[in-house]
Amino acid sequence: MRRPVRIAVTGAAGAISNNLLFKIASGEMFGKDQPVILQLIEMAERMEHLRGLAMELEDCAIRYCTPSPCTTMWRRGSTMSTMRC
């Protein structure tokens, strides 16, 4: 198995990120066999939307996608990420 790619996504609860996250998670961006860890970052007032989106990603049960805990802190969310969006 390949090493997971960590991707920090800011504004993750927004409309554009919503679309992008599902494309990344499904393998359209890095390939179907590339594991990804999504690090979702959003403003405090949008955290409820972000939690809902994280639940949707989990419900999809995408094989190679692991969402990490949602956060409002840039430093915490982008730590150890391979890529930032």
N, C-alpha and C. Protein backbone atom coordinates (compact mmCIF):
# COMPACT_ATOMS: atom_id res chain seq x y z
N MET A 1 0.83 -1.18 0.00
CA MET A 1 0.00 0.00 0.00
C MET A 1 0.88 1.25 0.00
N ARG A 2 0.45 2.27 -0.69
CA ARG A 2 1.19 3.52 -0.77
C ARG A 2 1.01 4.33 0.52
N ARG A 3 1.98 5.22 0.76
CA ARG A 3 1.87 6.12 1.91
C ARG A 3 0.76 7.12 1.69
N PRO A 4 -0.03 7.44 2.72
CA PRO A 4 -1.12 8.41 2.56
C PRO A 4 -0.60 9.82 2.30
N VAL A 5 -1.35 10.56 1.51
CA VAL A 5 -1.08 11.97 1.27
C VAL A 5 -1.99 12.75 2.20
N ARG A 6 -1.41 13.66 3.00
CA ARG A 6 -2.21 14.51 3.90
C ARG A 6 -2.52 15.82 3.18
N ILE A 7 -3.80 16.16 3.13
CA ILE A 7 -4.21 17.36 2.43
C ILE A 7 -5.00 18.25 3.38
N ALA A 8 -4.49 19.45 3.63
CA ALA A 8 -5.18 20.44 4.46
C ALA A 8 -6.05 21.30 3.55
N VAL A 9 -7.34 21.38 3.86
CA VAL A 9 -8.28 22.16 3.04
C VAL A 9 -8.89 23.25 3.91
N THR A 10 -8.61 24.51 3.56
CA THR A 10 -9.19 25.63 4.29
C THR A 10 -10.52 26.01 3.65
N GLY A 11 -11.42 26.55 4.44
CA GLY A 11 -12.74 26.89 3.92
C GLY A 11 -13.48 25.64 3.47
N ALA A 12 -13.24 24.56 4.19
CA ALA A 12 -13.73 23.24 3.77
C ALA A 12 -15.24 23.13 3.72
N ALA A 13 -15.97 23.98 4.44
CA ALA A 13 -17.43 23.89 4.44
C ALA A 13 -18.05 24.70 3.30
N GLY A 14 -17.25 25.38 2.52
CA GLY A 14 -17.75 26.19 1.41
C GLY A 14 -18.18 25.33 0.22
N ALA A 15 -18.90 25.95 -0.71
CA ALA A 15 -19.44 25.22 -1.86
C ALA A 15 -18.35 24.64 -2.76
N ILE A 16 -17.30 25.40 -3.02
CA ILE A 16 -16.23 24.93 -3.89
C ILE A 16 -15.47 23.79 -3.22
N SER A 17 -15.13 23.97 -1.95
CA SER A 17 -14.41 22.91 -1.23
C SER A 17 -15.26 21.65 -1.11
N ASN A 18 -16.55 21.82 -0.92
CA ASN A 18 -17.45 20.67 -0.82
C ASN A 18 -17.30 19.78 -2.05
N ASN A 19 -17.33 20.38 -3.21
CA ASN A 19 -17.15 19.64 -4.46
C ASN A 19 -15.75 19.03 -4.54
N LEU A 20 -14.76 19.80 -4.20
CA LEU A 20 -13.37 19.38 -4.28
C LEU A 20 -13.07 18.20 -3.35
N LEU A 21 -13.60 18.24 -2.14
CA LEU A 21 -13.33 17.19 -1.16
C LEU A 21 -13.78 15.82 -1.65
N PHE A 22 -14.94 15.75 -2.27
CA PHE A 22 -15.44 14.47 -2.76
C PHE A 22 -14.61 13.96 -3.93
N LYS A 23 -14.10 14.89 -4.74
CA LYS A 23 -13.23 14.48 -5.85
C LYS A 23 -11.89 13.95 -5.32
N ILE A 24 -11.33 14.63 -4.33
CA ILE A 24 -10.08 14.16 -3.73
C ILE A 24 -10.30 12.80 -3.07
N ALA A 25 -11.37 12.70 -2.27
CA ALA A 25 -11.64 11.47 -1.53
C ALA A 25 -11.90 10.27 -2.44
N SER A 26 -12.56 10.50 -3.56
CA SER A 26 -12.91 9.38 -4.45
C SER A 26 -11.76 8.92 -5.32
N GLY A 27 -10.66 9.67 -5.31
CA GLY A 27 -9.49 9.25 -6.08
C GLY A 27 -9.34 9.94 -7.42
N GLU A 28 -10.20 10.90 -7.73
CA GLU A 28 -10.10 11.61 -9.01
C GLU A 28 -8.86 12.49 -9.10
N MET A 29 -8.32 12.90 -7.97
CA MET A 29 -7.19 13.82 -7.99
C MET A 29 -5.84 13.10 -7.97
N PHE A 30 -5.69 12.09 -7.13
CA PHE A 30 -4.39 11.42 -6.97
C PHE A 30 -4.38 9.97 -7.43
N GLY A 31 -5.51 9.47 -7.84
CA GLY A 31 -5.60 8.07 -8.27
C GLY A 31 -6.43 7.25 -7.29
N LYS A 32 -7.07 6.24 -7.81
CA LYS A 32 -8.00 5.42 -7.02
C LYS A 32 -7.31 4.63 -5.91
N ASP A 33 -6.02 4.35 -6.05
CA ASP A 33 -5.32 3.54 -5.05
C ASP A 33 -4.43 4.37 -4.12
N GLN A 34 -4.57 5.70 -4.15
CA GLN A 34 -3.76 6.57 -3.29
C GLN A 34 -4.54 6.92 -2.02
N PRO A 35 -4.11 6.46 -0.86
CA PRO A 35 -4.79 6.84 0.39
C PRO A 35 -4.59 8.33 0.67
N VAL A 36 -5.63 8.98 1.16
CA VAL A 36 -5.55 10.40 1.51
C VAL A 36 -6.10 10.60 2.92
N ILE A 37 -5.51 11.57 3.60
CA ILE A 37 -6.01 12.01 4.90
C ILE A 37 -6.41 13.46 4.73
N LEU A 38 -7.69 13.76 4.90
CA LEU A 38 -8.18 15.12 4.74
C LEU A 38 -8.16 15.83 6.08
N GLN A 39 -7.48 16.95 6.13
CA GLN A 39 -7.42 17.79 7.32
C GLN A 39 -8.27 19.02 7.03
N LEU A 40 -9.47 19.07 7.61
CA LEU A 40 -10.47 20.08 7.28
C LEU A 40 -10.40 21.26 8.24
N ILE A 41 -10.26 22.47 7.67
CA ILE A 41 -10.11 23.69 8.45
C ILE A 41 -11.20 24.68 8.05
N GLU A 42 -11.85 25.28 9.05
CA GLU A 42 -12.95 26.23 8.77
C GLU A 42 -13.05 27.24 9.90
N MET A 43 -13.72 28.35 9.63
CA MET A 43 -13.96 29.37 10.66
C MET A 43 -14.92 28.81 11.71
N ALA A 44 -14.82 29.32 12.92
CA ALA A 44 -15.62 28.80 14.03
C ALA A 44 -17.12 28.82 13.74
N GLU A 45 -17.61 29.87 13.12
CA GLU A 45 -19.06 29.97 12.87
C GLU A 45 -19.56 28.99 11.81
N ARG A 46 -18.67 28.34 11.08
CA ARG A 46 -19.06 27.37 10.05
C ARG A 46 -18.77 25.91 10.46
N MET A 47 -18.38 25.71 11.72
CA MET A 47 -18.01 24.37 12.17
C MET A 47 -19.15 23.37 12.11
N GLU A 48 -20.37 23.80 12.36
CA GLU A 48 -21.51 22.87 12.28
C GLU A 48 -21.66 22.32 10.86
N HIS A 49 -21.49 23.19 9.87
CA HIS A 49 -21.55 22.75 8.47
C HIS A 49 -20.40 21.79 8.17
N LEU A 50 -19.23 22.10 8.70
CA LEU A 50 -18.06 21.27 8.45
C LEU A 50 -18.22 19.88 9.07
N ARG A 51 -18.77 19.82 10.26
CA ARG A 51 -19.01 18.51 10.88
C ARG A 51 -19.99 17.68 10.05
N GLY A 52 -21.01 18.35 9.49
CA GLY A 52 -21.96 17.66 8.62
C GLY A 52 -21.28 17.11 7.38
N LEU A 53 -20.39 17.89 6.82
CA LEU A 53 -19.65 17.46 5.63
C LEU A 53 -18.74 16.28 5.96
N ALA A 54 -18.08 16.33 7.11
CA ALA A 54 -17.22 15.23 7.54
C ALA A 54 -18.04 13.94 7.72
N MET A 55 -19.25 14.08 8.25
CA MET A 55 -20.11 12.91 8.41
C MET A 55 -20.51 12.34 7.05
N GLU A 56 -20.78 13.23 6.08
CA GLU A 56 -21.11 12.77 4.72
C GLU A 56 -19.94 11.98 4.13
N LEU A 57 -18.73 12.49 4.30
CA LEU A 57 -17.54 11.78 3.80
C LEU A 57 -17.42 10.40 4.45
N GLU A 58 -17.65 10.34 5.74
CA GLU A 58 -17.58 9.05 6.44
C GLU A 58 -18.68 8.11 5.97
N ASP A 59 -19.89 8.65 5.75
CA ASP A 59 -21.01 7.83 5.29
C ASP A 59 -20.75 7.22 3.91
N CYS A 60 -19.98 7.91 3.10
CA CYS A 60 -19.67 7.40 1.76
C CYS A 60 -18.76 6.18 1.84
N ALA A 61 -18.08 6.01 2.95
CA ALA A 61 -17.17 4.87 3.16
C ALA A 61 -16.20 4.71 1.99
N ILE A 62 -15.56 5.80 1.63
CA ILE A 62 -14.58 5.76 0.55
C ILE A 62 -13.34 5.03 1.06
N ARG A 63 -12.95 4.02 0.36
CA ARG A 63 -11.94 3.07 0.82
C ARG A 63 -10.63 3.70 1.27
N TYR A 64 -10.08 4.62 0.51
CA TYR A 64 -8.75 5.16 0.81
C TYR A 64 -8.78 6.56 1.41
N CYS A 65 -9.91 6.97 1.98
CA CYS A 65 -10.00 8.32 2.53
C CYS A 65 -10.23 8.26 4.04
N THR A 66 -9.42 9.03 4.77
CA THR A 66 -9.57 9.13 6.22
C THR A 66 -9.68 10.60 6.60
N PRO A 67 -10.87 11.07 6.99
CA PRO A 67 -10.96 12.46 7.45
C PRO A 67 -10.39 12.57 8.86
N SER A 68 -9.63 13.61 9.11
CA SER A 68 -9.12 13.85 10.46
C SER A 68 -10.10 14.78 11.17
N PRO A 69 -9.94 15.00 12.47
CA PRO A 69 -10.87 15.89 13.18
C PRO A 69 -10.91 17.29 12.55
N CYS A 70 -12.08 17.88 12.52
CA CYS A 70 -12.26 19.24 11.99
C CYS A 70 -11.68 20.23 12.98
N THR A 71 -11.17 21.34 12.46
CA THR A 71 -10.56 22.34 13.35
C THR A 71 -10.74 23.75 12.79
N THR A 72 -10.61 24.73 13.67
CA THR A 72 -10.63 26.14 13.27
C THR A 72 -9.23 26.72 13.29
N MET A 73 -8.26 25.93 13.75
CA MET A 73 -6.90 26.43 13.90
C MET A 73 -6.02 26.03 12.71
N TRP A 74 -5.53 27.01 11.99
CA TRP A 74 -4.72 26.76 10.79
C TRP A 74 -3.48 25.92 11.12
N ARG A 75 -2.77 26.30 12.17
CA ARG A 75 -1.54 25.58 12.51
C ARG A 75 -1.79 24.11 12.80
N ARG A 76 -2.82 23.85 13.57
CA ARG A 76 -3.15 22.47 13.92
C ARG A 76 -3.62 21.69 12.68
N GLY A 77 -4.43 22.33 11.85
CA GLY A 77 -4.98 21.65 10.68
C GLY A 77 -3.99 21.43 9.56
N SER A 78 -2.98 22.27 9.47
CA SER A 78 -2.04 22.14 8.36
C SER A 78 -0.75 21.43 8.75
N THR A 79 -0.63 21.06 10.03
CA THR A 79 0.57 20.37 10.49
C THR A 79 0.74 19.04 9.77
N MET A 80 1.94 18.79 9.30
CA MET A 80 2.29 17.54 8.66
C MET A 80 1.57 17.31 7.32
N SER A 81 0.92 18.31 6.79
CA SER A 81 0.21 18.09 5.52
C SER A 81 1.20 18.09 4.35
N THR A 82 0.90 17.27 3.39
CA THR A 82 1.71 17.18 2.18
C THR A 82 1.31 18.28 1.22
N MET A 83 0.04 18.64 1.25
CA MET A 83 -0.51 19.61 0.31
C MET A 83 -1.55 20.46 1.03
N ARG A 84 -1.67 21.72 0.63
CA ARG A 84 -2.67 22.62 1.22
C ARG A 84 -3.51 23.23 0.12
N CYS A 85 -4.83 23.24 0.32
CA CYS A 85 -5.77 23.82 -0.67
C CYS A 85 -6.53 24.95 -0.03
